[in-house]
Amino acid sequence: MDRMTKYLDFIEKRATGQLVTPAKWIRTFVRNHEDYKFDSVVTDSIAYDLMVACKEIGEGKREAPDLLGGIEIKPISAADAYVKKLESKRVNNGQIISLLERYSERTKKIGGEVKTAEYQI
């Protein structure tokens, strides 16, 4: 329950503007980068540094309190990524065709057209 409460607090802070959105964090990162010339051009070096920063945040190696608040991402490493080896099962063509047929049936049930989400920017 404590984990759920922390998550709901996080959502509330994001919704009320107490925490920045990922888009705002990215814009701020780019604008504050030493190579940015305020010309709307994101150079390779800016893009690279942004990807490194995102990777480090995701791995728990970089703090981002304005983005995550009090959420702590515990550092991860490949050495202890899997406690149990994942099973690998081959999928045959019949199983793939069956899956595609089920997806096709779902599409027919919603009027035969693919529904896409609409986003307002």
PDB file of N, CA and C in Angstrom:
ATOM      1  N   MET A   1       0.822  -1.190   0.000  1.00  0.00           N
ATOM      2  CA  MET A   1       0.000   0.000   0.000  1.00  0.00           C
ATOM      3  C   MET A   1       0.868   1.258   0.000  1.00  0.00           C
ATOM      4  N   ASP A   2       2.012   1.207   0.666  1.00  0.00           N
ATOM      5  CA  ASP A   2       2.911   2.351   0.712  1.00  0.00           C
ATOM      6  C   ASP A   2       3.392   2.708  -0.697  1.00  0.00           C
ATOM      7  N   ARG A   3       3.676   1.690  -1.483  1.00  0.00           N
ATOM      8  CA  ARG A   3       4.138   1.917  -2.850  1.00  0.00           C
ATOM      9  C   ARG A   3       3.051   2.606  -3.681  1.00  0.00           C
ATOM     10  N   MET A   4       1.802   2.169  -3.486  1.00  0.00           N
ATOM     11  CA  MET A   4       0.683   2.772  -4.204  1.00  0.00           C
ATOM     12  C   MET A   4       0.507   4.237  -3.800  1.00  0.00           C
ATOM     13  N   THR A   5       0.627   4.511  -2.518  1.00  0.00           N
ATOM     14  CA  THR A   5       0.493   5.883  -2.020  1.00  0.00           C
ATOM     15  C   THR A   5       1.571   6.773  -2.617  1.00  0.00           C
ATOM     16  N   LYS A   6       2.797   6.277  -2.673  1.00  0.00           N
ATOM     17  CA  LYS A   6       3.892   7.057  -3.262  1.00  0.00           C
ATOM     18  C   LYS A   6       3.614   7.355  -4.733  1.00  0.00           C
ATOM     19  N   TYR A   7       3.105   6.344  -5.429  1.00  0.00           N
ATOM     20  CA  TYR A   7       2.812   6.524  -6.856  1.00  0.00           C
ATOM     21  C   TYR A   7       1.692   7.546  -7.048  1.00  0.00           C
ATOM     22  N   LEU A   8       0.634   7.462  -6.242  1.00  0.00           N
ATOM     23  CA  LEU A   8      -0.465   8.418  -6.356  1.00  0.00           C
ATOM     24  C   LEU A   8      -0.008   9.836  -5.999  1.00  0.00           C
ATOM     25  N   ASP A   9       0.870   9.955  -5.015  1.00  0.00           N
ATOM     26  CA  ASP A   9       1.446  11.258  -4.684  1.00  0.00           C
ATOM     27  C   ASP A   9       2.241  11.815  -5.866  1.00  0.00           C
ATOM     28  N   PHE A  10       2.985  10.941  -6.511  1.00  0.00           N
ATOM     29  CA  PHE A  10       3.764  11.321  -7.685  1.00  0.00           C
ATOM     30  C   PHE A  10       2.840  11.836  -8.794  1.00  0.00           C
ATOM     31  N   ILE A  11       1.765  11.105  -9.064  1.00  0.00           N
ATOM     32  CA  ILE A  11       0.807  11.499 -10.101  1.00  0.00           C
ATOM     33  C   ILE A  11       0.172  12.853  -9.749  1.00  0.00           C
ATOM     34  N   GLU A  12      -0.185  13.024  -8.489  1.00  0.00           N
ATOM     35  CA  GLU A  12      -0.785  14.288  -8.045  1.00  0.00           C
ATOM     36  C   GLU A  12       0.175  15.448  -8.257  1.00  0.00           C
ATOM     37  N   LYS A  13       1.435  15.268  -7.884  1.00  0.00           N
ATOM     38  CA  LYS A  13       2.432  16.336  -8.040  1.00  0.00           C
ATOM     39  C   LYS A  13       2.664  16.666  -9.511  1.00  0.00           C
ATOM     40  N   ARG A  14       2.656  15.650 -10.343  1.00  0.00           N
ATOM     41  CA  ARG A  14       2.827  15.887 -11.778  1.00  0.00           C
ATOM     42  C   ARG A  14       1.612  16.633 -12.328  1.00  0.00           C
ATOM     43  N   ALA A  15       0.413  16.228 -11.892  1.00  0.00           N
ATOM     44  CA  ALA A  15      -0.822  16.843 -12.394  1.00  0.00           C
ATOM     45  C   ALA A  15      -0.986  18.285 -11.920  1.00  0.00           C
ATOM     46  N   THR A  16      -0.495  18.595 -10.740  1.00  0.00           N
ATOM     47  CA  THR A  16      -0.650  19.954 -10.198  1.00  0.00           C
ATOM     48  C   THR A  16       0.505  20.872 -10.567  1.00  0.00           C
ATOM     49  N   GLY A  17       1.489  20.349 -11.276  1.00  0.00           N
ATOM     50  CA  GLY A  17       2.603  21.174 -11.706  1.00  0.00           C
ATOM     51  C   GLY A  17       3.731  21.288 -10.698  1.00  0.00           C
ATOM     52  N   GLN A  18       3.641  20.547  -9.587  1.00  0.00           N
ATOM     53  CA  GLN A  18       4.729  20.580  -8.609  1.00  0.00           C
ATOM     54  C   GLN A  18       5.965  19.874  -9.152  1.00  0.00           C
ATOM     55  N   LEU A  19       5.757  18.944 -10.074  1.00  0.00           N
ATOM     56  CA  LEU A  19       6.851  18.272 -10.777  1.00  0.00           C
ATOM     57  C   LEU A  19       6.720  18.583 -12.262  1.00  0.00           C
ATOM     58  N   VAL A  20       7.835  18.744 -12.936  1.00  0.00           N
ATOM     59  CA  VAL A  20       7.794  19.021 -14.369  1.00  0.00           C
ATOM     60  C   VAL A  20       7.443  17.749 -15.137  1.00  0.00           C
ATOM     61  N   THR A  21       6.907  17.945 -16.326  1.00  0.00           N
ATOM     62  CA  THR A  21       6.631  16.812 -17.198  1.00  0.00           C
ATOM     63  C   THR A  21       7.937  16.400 -17.871  1.00  0.00           C
ATOM     64  N   PRO A  22       7.996  15.185 -18.401  1.00  0.00           N
ATOM     65  CA  PRO A  22       9.205  14.796 -19.136  1.00  0.00           C
ATOM     66  C   PRO A  22       9.517  15.759 -20.289  1.00  0.00           C
ATOM     67  N   ALA A  23       8.488  16.249 -20.981  1.00  0.00           N
ATOM     68  CA  ALA A  23       8.720  17.183 -22.087  1.00  0.00           C
ATOM     69  C   ALA A  23       9.369  18.473 -21.591  1.00  0.00           C
ATOM     70  N   LYS A  24       8.879  19.000 -20.491  1.00  0.00           N
ATOM     71  CA  LYS A  24       9.445  20.226 -19.912  1.00  0.00           C
ATOM     72  C   LYS A  24      10.885  19.981 -19.463  1.00  0.00           C
ATOM     73  N   TRP A  25      11.133  18.805 -18.864  1.00  0.00           N
ATOM     74  CA  TRP A  25      12.486  18.474 -18.414  1.00  0.00           C
ATOM     75  C   TRP A  25      13.443  18.441 -19.605  1.00  0.00           C
ATOM     76  N   ILE A  26      12.998  17.838 -20.707  1.00  0.00           N
ATOM     77  CA  ILE A  26      13.836  17.747 -21.906  1.00  0.00           C
ATOM     78  C   ILE A  26      14.107  19.142 -22.470  1.00  0.00           C
ATOM     79  N   ARG A  27      13.062  19.967 -22.566  1.00  0.00           N
ATOM     80  CA  ARG A  27      13.266  21.333 -23.079  1.00  0.00           C
ATOM     81  C   ARG A  27      14.264  22.105 -22.220  1.00  0.00           C
ATOM     82  N   THR A  28      14.129  21.972 -20.916  1.00  0.00           N
ATOM     83  CA  THR A  28      15.043  22.665 -20.004  1.00  0.00           C
ATOM     84  C   THR A  28      16.467  22.143 -20.170  1.00  0.00           C
ATOM     85  N   PHE A  29      16.609  20.839 -20.299  1.00  0.00           N
ATOM     86  CA  PHE A  29      17.932  20.239 -20.495  1.00  0.00           C
ATOM     87  C   PHE A  29      18.582  20.813 -21.749  1.00  0.00           C
ATOM     88  N   VAL A  30      17.824  20.839 -22.843  1.00  0.00           N
ATOM     89  CA  VAL A  30      18.372  21.338 -24.109  1.00  0.00           C
ATOM     90  C   VAL A  30      18.730  22.818 -23.989  1.00  0.00           C
ATOM     91  N   ARG A  31      17.826  23.623 -23.431  1.00  0.00           N
ATOM     92  CA  ARG A  31      18.074  25.073 -23.316  1.00  0.00           C
ATOM     93  C   ARG A  31      19.282  25.379 -22.428  1.00  0.00           C
ATOM     94  N   ASN A  32      19.533  24.531 -21.450  1.00  0.00           N
ATOM     95  CA  ASN A  32      20.659  24.768 -20.540  1.00  0.00           C
ATOM     96  C   ASN A  32      21.965  24.134 -21.013  1.00  0.00           C
ATOM     97  N   HIS A  33      21.920  23.411 -22.123  1.00  0.00           N
ATOM     98  CA  HIS A  33      23.128  22.749 -22.622  1.00  0.00           C
ATOM     99  C   HIS A  33      24.108  23.789 -23.167  1.00  0.00           C
ATOM    100  N   GLU A  34      25.373  23.580 -22.903  1.00  0.00           N
ATOM    101  CA  GLU A  34      26.401  24.554 -23.308  1.00  0.00           C
ATOM    102  C   GLU A  34      26.495  24.743 -24.822  1.00  0.00           C
ATOM    103  N   ASP A  35      26.084  23.735 -25.612  1.00  0.00           N
ATOM    104  CA  ASP A  35      26.176  23.844 -27.071  1.00  0.00           C
ATOM    105  C   ASP A  35      24.922  24.438 -27.712  1.00  0.00           C
ATOM    106  N   TYR A  36      23.870  24.655 -26.934  1.00  0.00           N
ATOM    107  CA  TYR A  36      22.625  25.178 -27.510  1.00  0.00           C
ATOM    108  C   TYR A  36      22.752  26.676 -27.773  1.00  0.00           C
ATOM    109  N   LYS A  37      22.379  27.082 -28.999  1.00  0.00           N
ATOM    110  CA  LYS A  37      22.540  28.479 -29.407  1.00  0.00           C
ATOM    111  C   LYS A  37      21.197  29.199 -29.530  1.00  0.00           C
ATOM    112  N   PHE A  38      20.143  28.628 -28.967  1.00  0.00           N
ATOM    113  CA  PHE A  38      18.803  29.218 -29.008  1.00  0.00           C
ATOM    114  C   PHE A  38      18.347  29.464 -30.436  1.00  0.00           C
ATOM    115  N   ASP A  39      18.673  28.506 -31.312  1.00  0.00           N
ATOM    116  CA  ASP A  39      18.302  28.582 -32.720  1.00  0.00           C
ATOM    117  C   ASP A  39      17.392  27.420 -33.124  1.00  0.00           C
ATOM    118  N   SER A  40      16.853  26.719 -32.135  1.00  0.00           N
ATOM    119  CA  SER A  40      15.970  25.557 -32.350  1.00  0.00           C
ATOM    120  C   SER A  40      16.678  24.361 -32.964  1.00  0.00           C
ATOM    121  N   VAL A  41      17.999  24.363 -32.952  1.00  0.00           N
ATOM    122  CA  VAL A  41      18.770  23.247 -33.491  1.00  0.00           C
ATOM    123  C   VAL A  41      19.323  22.419 -32.336  1.00  0.00           C
ATOM    124  N   VAL A  42      18.950  21.144 -32.350  1.00  0.00           N
ATOM    125  CA  VAL A  42      19.492  20.216 -31.353  1.00  0.00           C
ATOM    126  C   VAL A  42      20.625  19.462 -32.042  1.00  0.00           C
ATOM    127  N   THR A  43      21.835  19.815 -31.676  1.00  0.00           N
ATOM    128  CA  THR A  43      23.012  19.217 -32.308  1.00  0.00           C
ATOM    129  C   THR A  43      23.202  17.776 -31.840  1.00  0.00           C
ATOM    130  N   ASP A  44      24.090  17.082 -32.517  1.00  0.00           N
ATOM    131  CA  ASP A  44      24.395  15.701 -32.131  1.00  0.00           C
ATOM    132  C   ASP A  44      24.899  15.622 -30.699  1.00  0.00           C
ATOM    133  N   SER A  45      25.720  16.585 -30.299  1.00  0.00           N
ATOM    134  CA  SER A  45      26.276  16.545 -28.942  1.00  0.00           C
ATOM    135  C   SER A  45      25.181  16.762 -27.892  1.00  0.00           C
ATOM    136  N   ILE A  46      24.220  17.630 -28.190  1.00  0.00           N
ATOM    137  CA  ILE A  46      23.110  17.849 -27.257  1.00  0.00           C
ATOM    138  C   ILE A  46      22.259  16.590 -27.172  1.00  0.00           C
ATOM    139  N   ALA A  47      21.945  16.005 -28.324  1.00  0.00           N
ATOM    140  CA  ALA A  47      21.127  14.793 -28.355  1.00  0.00           C
ATOM    141  C   ALA A  47      21.822  13.651 -27.615  1.00  0.00           C
ATOM    142  N   TYR A  48      23.119  13.518 -27.826  1.00  0.00           N
ATOM    143  CA  TYR A  48      23.880  12.466 -27.148  1.00  0.00           C
ATOM    144  C   TYR A  48      23.845  12.667 -25.635  1.00  0.00           C
ATOM    145  N   ASP A  49      24.124  13.885 -25.197  1.00  0.00           N
ATOM    146  CA  ASP A  49      24.126  14.159 -23.757  1.00  0.00           C
ATOM    147  C   ASP A  49      22.739  13.954 -23.148  1.00  0.00           C
ATOM    148  N   LEU A  50      21.694  14.274 -23.898  1.00  0.00           N
ATOM    149  CA  LEU A  50      20.325  14.055 -23.427  1.00  0.00           C
ATOM    150  C   LEU A  50      20.055  12.560 -23.250  1.00  0.00           C
ATOM    151  N   MET A  51      20.470  11.762 -24.222  1.00  0.00           N
ATOM    152  CA  MET A  51      20.248  10.318 -24.123  1.00  0.00           C
ATOM    153  C   MET A  51      21.038   9.714 -22.967  1.00  0.00           C
ATOM    154  N   VAL A  52      22.242  10.191 -22.754  1.00  0.00           N
ATOM    155  CA  VAL A  52      23.047   9.720 -21.620  1.00  0.00           C
ATOM    156  C   VAL A  52      22.353  10.078 -20.311  1.00  0.00           C
ATOM    157  N   ALA A  53      21.841  11.310 -20.220  1.00  0.00           N
ATOM    158  CA  ALA A  53      21.156  11.741 -19.000  1.00  0.00           C
ATOM    159  C   ALA A  53      19.917  10.872 -18.742  1.00  0.00           C
ATOM    160  N   CYS A  54      19.133  10.628 -19.786  1.00  0.00           N
ATOM    161  CA  CYS A  54      17.929   9.788 -19.638  1.00  0.00           C
ATOM    162  C   CYS A  54      18.301   8.376 -19.203  1.00  0.00           C
ATOM    163  N   LYS A  55      19.333   7.835 -19.805  1.00  0.00           N
ATOM    164  CA  LYS A  55      19.796   6.488 -19.448  1.00  0.00           C
ATOM    165  C   LYS A  55      20.225   6.453 -17.988  1.00  0.00           C
ATOM    166  N   GLU A  56      20.986   7.450 -17.569  1.00  0.00           N
ATOM    167  CA  GLU A  56      21.468   7.487 -16.179  1.00  0.00           C
ATOM    168  C   GLU A  56      20.318   7.641 -15.187  1.00  0.00           C
ATOM    169  N   ILE A  57      19.307   8.421 -15.540  1.00  0.00           N
ATOM    170  CA  ILE A  57      18.138   8.555 -14.664  1.00  0.00           C
ATOM    171  C   ILE A  57      17.425   7.212 -14.559  1.00  0.00           C
ATOM    172  N   GLY A  58      17.220   6.562 -15.691  1.00  0.00           N
ATOM    173  CA  GLY A  58      16.538   5.268 -15.710  1.00  0.00           C
ATOM    174  C   GLY A  58      17.278   4.176 -14.965  1.00  0.00           C
ATOM    175  N   GLU A  59      18.590   4.274 -14.930  1.00  0.00           N
ATOM    176  CA  GLU A  59      19.399   3.287 -14.222  1.00  0.00           C
ATOM    177  C   GLU A  59      19.636   3.650 -12.761  1.00  0.00           C
ATOM    178  N   GLY A  60      19.132   4.810 -12.346  1.00  0.00           N
ATOM    179  CA  GLY A  60      19.314   5.242 -10.965  1.00  0.00           C
ATOM    180  C   GLY A  60      20.682   5.830 -10.680  1.00  0.00           C
ATOM    181  N   LYS A  61      21.403   6.215 -11.718  1.00  0.00           N
ATOM    182  CA  LYS A  61      22.743   6.775 -11.535  1.00  0.00           C
ATOM    183  C   LYS A  61      22.741   8.301 -11.482  1.00  0.00           C
ATOM    184  N   ARG A  62      21.618   8.920 -11.888  1.00  0.00           N
ATOM    185  CA  ARG A  62      21.518  10.382 -11.888  1.00  0.00           C
ATOM    186  C   ARG A  62      20.209  10.773 -11.208  1.00  0.00           C
ATOM    187  N   GLU A  63      20.302  11.720 -10.318  1.00  0.00           N
ATOM    188  CA  GLU A  63      19.096  12.199  -9.649  1.00  0.00           C
ATOM    189  C   GLU A  63      18.409  13.245 -10.521  1.00  0.00           C
ATOM    190  N   ALA A  64      17.092  13.281 -10.449  1.00  0.00           N
ATOM    191  CA  ALA A  64      16.304  14.274 -11.180  1.00  0.00           C
ATOM    192  C   ALA A  64      15.091  14.629 -10.331  1.00  0.00           C
ATOM    193  N   PRO A  65      15.312  15.322  -9.207  1.00  0.00           N
ATOM    194  CA  PRO A  65      14.214  15.605  -8.283  1.00  0.00           C
ATOM    195  C   PRO A  65      13.106  16.464  -8.880  1.00  0.00           C
ATOM    196  N   ASP A  66      13.438  17.351  -9.818  1.00  0.00           N
ATOM    197  CA  ASP A  66      12.402  18.165 -10.445  1.00  0.00           C
ATOM    198  C   ASP A  66      11.494  17.333 -11.347  1.00  0.00           C
ATOM    199  N   LEU A  67      11.987  16.201 -11.790  1.00  0.00           N
ATOM    200  CA  LEU A  67      11.227  15.297 -12.654  1.00  0.00           C
ATOM    201  C   LEU A  67      10.552  14.190 -11.862  1.00  0.00           C
ATOM    202  N   LEU A  68      11.265  13.625 -10.885  1.00  0.00           N
ATOM    203  CA  LEU A  68      10.779  12.448 -10.163  1.00  0.00           C
ATOM    204  C   LEU A  68      10.319  12.726  -8.744  1.00  0.00           C
ATOM    205  N   GLY A  69      10.585  13.917  -8.238  1.00  0.00           N
ATOM    206  CA  GLY A  69      10.215  14.209  -6.854  1.00  0.00           C
ATOM    207  C   GLY A  69      11.022  13.320  -5.917  1.00  0.00           C
ATOM    208  N   GLY A  70      10.352  12.691  -4.982  1.00  0.00           N
ATOM    209  CA  GLY A  70      11.024  11.834  -4.015  1.00  0.00           C
ATOM    210  C   GLY A  70      11.151  10.390  -4.463  1.00  0.00           C
ATOM    211  N   ILE A  71      10.769  10.092  -5.702  1.00  0.00           N
ATOM    212  CA  ILE A  71      10.866   8.720  -6.200  1.00  0.00           C
ATOM    213  C   ILE A  71      12.337   8.374  -6.392  1.00  0.00           C
ATOM    214  N   GLU A  72      12.738   7.283  -5.800  1.00  0.00           N
ATOM    215  CA  GLU A  72      14.129   6.836  -5.925  1.00  0.00           C
ATOM    216  C   GLU A  72      14.181   5.639  -6.859  1.00  0.00           C
ATOM    217  N   ILE A  73      15.018   5.747  -7.863  1.00  0.00           N
ATOM    218  CA  ILE A  73      15.247   4.623  -8.756  1.00  0.00           C
ATOM    219  C   ILE A  73      16.519   3.947  -8.282  1.00  0.00           C
ATOM    220  N   LYS A  74      16.375   2.721  -7.853  1.00  0.00           N
ATOM    221  CA  LYS A  74      17.549   2.003  -7.353  1.00  0.00           C
ATOM    222  C   LYS A  74      18.467   1.659  -8.516  1.00  0.00           C
ATOM    223  N   PRO A  75      19.765   1.847  -8.328  1.00  0.00           N
ATOM    224  CA  PRO A  75      20.714   1.524  -9.399  1.00  0.00           C
ATOM    225  C   PRO A  75      20.575   0.071  -9.850  1.00  0.00           C
ATOM    226  N   ILE A  76      20.711  -0.121 -11.148  1.00  0.00           N
ATOM    227  CA  ILE A  76      20.633  -1.473 -11.701  1.00  0.00           C
ATOM    228  C   ILE A  76      21.940  -1.807 -12.402  1.00  0.00           C
ATOM    229  N   SER A  77      22.172  -3.079 -12.536  1.00  0.00           N
ATOM    230  CA  SER A  77      23.334  -3.529 -13.296  1.00  0.00           C
ATOM    231  C   SER A  77      22.981  -4.826 -13.998  1.00  0.00           C
ATOM    232  N   ALA A  78      23.680  -5.101 -15.062  1.00  0.00           N
ATOM    233  CA  ALA A  78      23.413  -6.319 -15.823  1.00  0.00           C
ATOM    234  C   ALA A  78      23.738  -7.564 -15.005  1.00  0.00           C
ATOM    235  N   ALA A  79      24.663  -7.435 -14.073  1.00  0.00           N
ATOM    236  CA  ALA A  79      25.097  -8.591 -13.285  1.00  0.00           C
ATOM    237  C   ALA A  79      23.950  -9.206 -12.484  1.00  0.00           C
ATOM    238  N   ASP A  80      23.068  -8.359 -11.944  1.00  0.00           N
ATOM    239  CA  ASP A  80      21.977  -8.915 -11.151  1.00  0.00           C
ATOM    240  C   ASP A  80      20.610  -8.611 -11.773  1.00  0.00           C
ATOM    241  N   ALA A  81      20.571  -8.495 -13.105  1.00  0.00           N
ATOM    242  CA  ALA A  81      19.321  -8.183 -13.782  1.00  0.00           C
ATOM    243  C   ALA A  81      18.340  -9.353 -13.739  1.00  0.00           C
ATOM    244  N   TYR A  82      18.831 -10.576 -13.790  1.00  0.00           N
ATOM    245  CA  TYR A  82      17.938 -11.734 -13.823  1.00  0.00           C
ATOM    246  C   TYR A  82      18.293 -12.700 -12.705  1.00  0.00           C
ATOM    247  N   VAL A  83      17.345 -12.905 -11.819  1.00  0.00           N
ATOM    248  CA  VAL A  83      17.538 -13.893 -10.770  1.00  0.00           C
ATOM    249  C   VAL A  83      17.298 -15.282 -11.358  1.00  0.00           C
ATOM    250  N   LYS A  84      16.320 -15.360 -12.240  1.00  0.00           N
ATOM    251  CA  LYS A  84      15.968 -16.616 -12.888  1.00  0.00           C
ATOM    252  C   LYS A  84      16.129 -16.436 -14.388  1.00  0.00           C
ATOM    253  N   LYS A  85      16.729 -17.387 -15.022  1.00  0.00           N
ATOM    254  CA  LYS A  85      16.913 -17.319 -16.461  1.00  0.00           C
ATOM    255  C   LYS A  85      15.551 -17.388 -17.144  1.00  0.00           C
ATOM    256  N   LEU A  86      15.352 -16.496 -18.114  1.00  0.00           N
ATOM    257  CA  LEU A  86      14.102 -16.489 -18.844  1.00  0.00           C
ATOM    258  C   LEU A  86      14.056 -17.672 -19.807  1.00  0.00           C
ATOM    259  N   GLU A  87      12.862 -18.247 -19.941  1.00  0.00           N
ATOM    260  CA  GLU A  87      12.695 -19.363 -20.854  1.00  0.00           C
ATOM    261  C   GLU A  87      12.589 -18.847 -22.279  1.00  0.00           C
ATOM    262  N   SER A  88      13.119 -19.609 -23.177  1.00  0.00           N
ATOM    263  CA  SER A  88      13.034 -19.249 -24.588  1.00  0.00           C
ATOM    264  C   SER A  88      12.269 -20.348 -25.303  1.00  0.00           C
ATOM    265  N   LYS A  89      11.124 -19.987 -25.848  1.00  0.00           N
ATOM    266  CA  LYS A  89      10.312 -20.965 -26.570  1.00  0.00           C
ATOM    267  C   LYS A  89      10.151 -20.492 -28.004  1.00  0.00           C
ATOM    268  N   ARG A  90      10.301 -21.409 -28.915  1.00  0.00           N
ATOM    269  CA  ARG A  90      10.123 -21.091 -30.323  1.00  0.00           C
ATOM    270  C   ARG A  90       8.639 -20.980 -30.625  1.00  0.00           C
ATOM    271  N   VAL A  91       8.305 -20.073 -31.496  1.00  0.00           N
ATOM    272  CA  VAL A  91       6.933 -19.899 -31.941  1.00  0.00           C
ATOM    273  C   VAL A  91       6.862 -20.347 -33.388  1.00  0.00           C
ATOM    274  N   ASN A  92       5.889 -21.214 -33.681  1.00  0.00           N
ATOM    275  CA  ASN A  92       5.788 -21.692 -35.061  1.00  0.00           C
ATOM    276  C   ASN A  92       4.837 -20.809 -35.867  1.00  0.00           C
ATOM    277  N   ASN A  93       4.856 -20.983 -37.180  1.00  0.00           N
ATOM    278  CA  ASN A  93       4.053 -20.154 -38.069  1.00  0.00           C
ATOM    279  C   ASN A  93       2.568 -20.252 -37.761  1.00  0.00           C
ATOM    280  N   GLY A  94       2.100 -21.428 -37.378  1.00  0.00           N
ATOM    281  CA  GLY A  94       0.690 -21.602 -37.048  1.00  0.00           C
ATOM    282  C   GLY A  94       0.264 -20.727 -35.880  1.00  0.00           C
ATOM    283  N   GLN A  95       1.124 -20.626 -34.873  1.00  0.00           N
ATOM    284  CA  GLN A  95       0.818 -19.781 -33.718  1.00  0.00           C
ATOM    285  C   GLN A  95       0.792 -18.300 -34.107  1.00  0.00           C
ATOM    286  N   ILE A  96       1.695 -17.902 -34.975  1.00  0.00           N
ATOM    287  CA  ILE A  96       1.733 -16.515 -35.431  1.00  0.00           C
ATOM    288  C   ILE A  96       0.468 -16.186 -36.228  1.00  0.00           C
ATOM    289  N   ILE A  97       0.084 -17.097 -37.134  1.00  0.00           N
ATOM    290  CA  ILE A  97      -1.121 -16.878 -37.938  1.00  0.00           C
ATOM    291  C   ILE A  97      -2.350 -16.814 -37.047  1.00  0.00           C
ATOM    292  N   SER A  98      -2.423 -17.674 -36.054  1.00  0.00           N
ATOM    293  CA  SER A  98      -3.547 -17.662 -35.122  1.00  0.00           C
ATOM    294  C   SER A  98      -3.635 -16.330 -34.385  1.00  0.00           C
ATOM    295  N   LEU A  99      -2.518 -15.819 -33.936  1.00  0.00           N
ATOM    296  CA  LEU A  99      -2.487 -14.549 -33.234  1.00  0.00           C
ATOM    297  C   LEU A  99      -2.936 -13.409 -34.150  1.00  0.00           C
ATOM    298  N   LEU A 100      -2.444 -13.392 -35.386  1.00  0.00           N
ATOM    299  CA  LEU A 100      -2.841 -12.352 -36.329  1.00  0.00           C
ATOM    300  C   LEU A 100      -4.329 -12.428 -36.656  1.00  0.00           C
ATOM    301  N   GLU A 101      -4.873 -13.638 -36.743  1.00  0.00           N
ATOM    302  CA  GLU A 101      -6.309 -13.795 -37.005  1.00  0.00           C
ATOM    303  C   GLU A 101      -7.134 -13.241 -35.843  1.00  0.00           C
ATOM    304  N   ARG A 102      -6.673 -13.475 -34.611  1.00  0.00           N
ATOM    305  CA  ARG A 102      -7.393 -12.926 -33.453  1.00  0.00           C
ATOM    306  C   ARG A 102      -7.368 -11.405 -33.465  1.00  0.00           C
ATOM    307  N   TYR A 103      -6.223 -10.812 -33.805  1.00  0.00           N
ATOM    308  CA  TYR A 103      -6.141  -9.353 -33.893  1.00  0.00           C
ATOM    309  C   TYR A 103      -7.048  -8.833 -35.005  1.00  0.00           C
ATOM    310  N   SER A 104      -7.092  -9.566 -36.112  1.00  0.00           N
ATOM    311  CA  SER A 104      -7.951  -9.180 -37.223  1.00  0.00           C
ATOM    312  C   SER A 104      -9.421  -9.198 -36.801  1.00  0.00           C
ATOM    313  N   GLU A 105      -9.826 -10.196 -36.044  1.00  0.00           N
ATOM    314  CA  GLU A 105     -11.203 -10.282 -35.544  1.00  0.00           C
ATOM    315  C   GLU A 105     -11.521  -9.119 -34.615  1.00  0.00           C
ATOM    316  N   ARG A 106     -10.579  -8.743 -33.785  1.00  0.00           N
ATOM    317  CA  ARG A 106     -10.793  -7.606 -32.888  1.00  0.00           C
ATOM    318  C   ARG A 106     -11.037  -6.332 -33.693  1.00  0.00           C
ATOM    319  N   THR A 107     -10.287  -6.169 -34.768  1.00  0.00           N
ATOM    320  CA  THR A 107     -10.452  -4.994 -35.612  1.00  0.00           C
ATOM    321  C   THR A 107     -11.843  -4.970 -36.224  1.00  0.00           C
ATOM    322  N   LYS A 108     -12.330  -6.116 -36.678  1.00  0.00           N
ATOM    323  CA  LYS A 108     -13.666  -6.195 -37.274  1.00  0.00           C
ATOM    324  C   LYS A 108     -14.735  -5.840 -36.246  1.00  0.00           C
ATOM    325  N   LYS A 109     -14.521  -6.200 -35.003  1.00  0.00           N
ATOM    326  CA  LYS A 109     -15.499  -5.936 -33.947  1.00  0.00           C
ATOM    327  C   LYS A 109     -15.632  -4.455 -33.638  1.00  0.00           C
ATOM    328  N   ILE A 110     -14.622  -3.654 -33.951  1.00  0.00           N
ATOM    329  CA  ILE A 110     -14.719  -2.214 -33.674  1.00  0.00           C
ATOM    330  C   ILE A 110     -15.009  -1.433 -34.953  1.00  0.00           C
ATOM    331  N   GLY A 111     -15.653  -2.084 -35.895  1.00  0.00           N
ATOM    332  CA  GLY A 111     -16.105  -1.376 -37.089  1.00  0.00           C
ATOM    333  C   GLY A 111     -15.194  -1.494 -38.289  1.00  0.00           C
ATOM    334  N   GLY A 112     -14.213  -2.355 -38.204  1.00  0.00           N
ATOM    335  CA  GLY A 112     -13.363  -2.583 -39.356  1.00  0.00           C
ATOM    336  C   GLY A 112     -12.308  -1.533 -39.607  1.00  0.00           C
ATOM    337  N   GLU A 113     -12.208  -0.550 -38.733  1.00  0.00           N
ATOM    338  CA  GLU A 113     -11.178   0.456 -38.915  1.00  0.00           C
ATOM    339  C   GLU A 113     -10.312   0.541 -37.668  1.00  0.00           C
ATOM    340  N   VAL A 114      -9.082   0.893 -37.856  1.00  0.00           N
ATOM    341  CA  VAL A 114      -8.154   0.977 -36.740  1.00  0.00           C
ATOM    342  C   VAL A 114      -8.420   2.285 -36.003  1.00  0.00           C
ATOM    343  N   LYS A 115      -8.618   2.175 -34.711  1.00  0.00           N
ATOM    344  CA  LYS A 115      -8.842   3.354 -33.882  1.00  0.00           C
ATOM    345  C   LYS A 115      -7.503   3.840 -33.359  1.00  0.00           C
ATOM    346  N   THR A 116      -7.243   5.121 -33.487  1.00  0.00           N
ATOM    347  CA  THR A 116      -5.993   5.670 -32.967  1.00  0.00           C
ATOM    348  C   THR A 116      -6.316   6.723 -31.928  1.00  0.00           C
ATOM    349  N   ALA A 117      -5.405   6.895 -31.024  1.00  0.00           N
ATOM    350  CA  ALA A 117      -5.585   7.896 -29.973  1.00  0.00           C
ATOM    351  C   ALA A 117      -5.358   9.278 -30.576  1.00  0.00           C
ATOM    352  N   GLU A 118      -6.109  10.234 -30.085  1.00  0.00           N
ATOM    353  CA  GLU A 118      -5.928  11.607 -30.528  1.00  0.00           C
ATOM    354  C   GLU A 118      -5.222  12.383 -29.421  1.00  0.00           C
ATOM    355  N   TYR A 119      -4.218  13.133 -29.807  1.00  0.00           N
ATOM    356  CA  TYR A 119      -3.462  13.903 -28.840  1.00  0.00           C
ATOM    357  C   TYR A 119      -3.558  15.375 -29.189  1.00  0.00           C
ATOM    358  N   GLN A 120      -3.689  16.177 -28.200  1.00  0.00           N
ATOM    359  CA  GLN A 120      -3.720  17.620 -28.400  1.00  0.00           C
ATOM    360  C   GLN A 120      -2.434  18.202 -27.839  1.00  0.00           C
ATOM    361  N   ILE A 121      -1.759  18.944 -28.660  1.00  0.00           N
ATOM    362  CA  ILE A 121      -0.483  19.539 -28.240  1.00  0.00           C
ATOM    363  C   ILE A 121      -0.667  21.021 -28.000  1.00  0.00           C
TER     364      ILE A 121
END
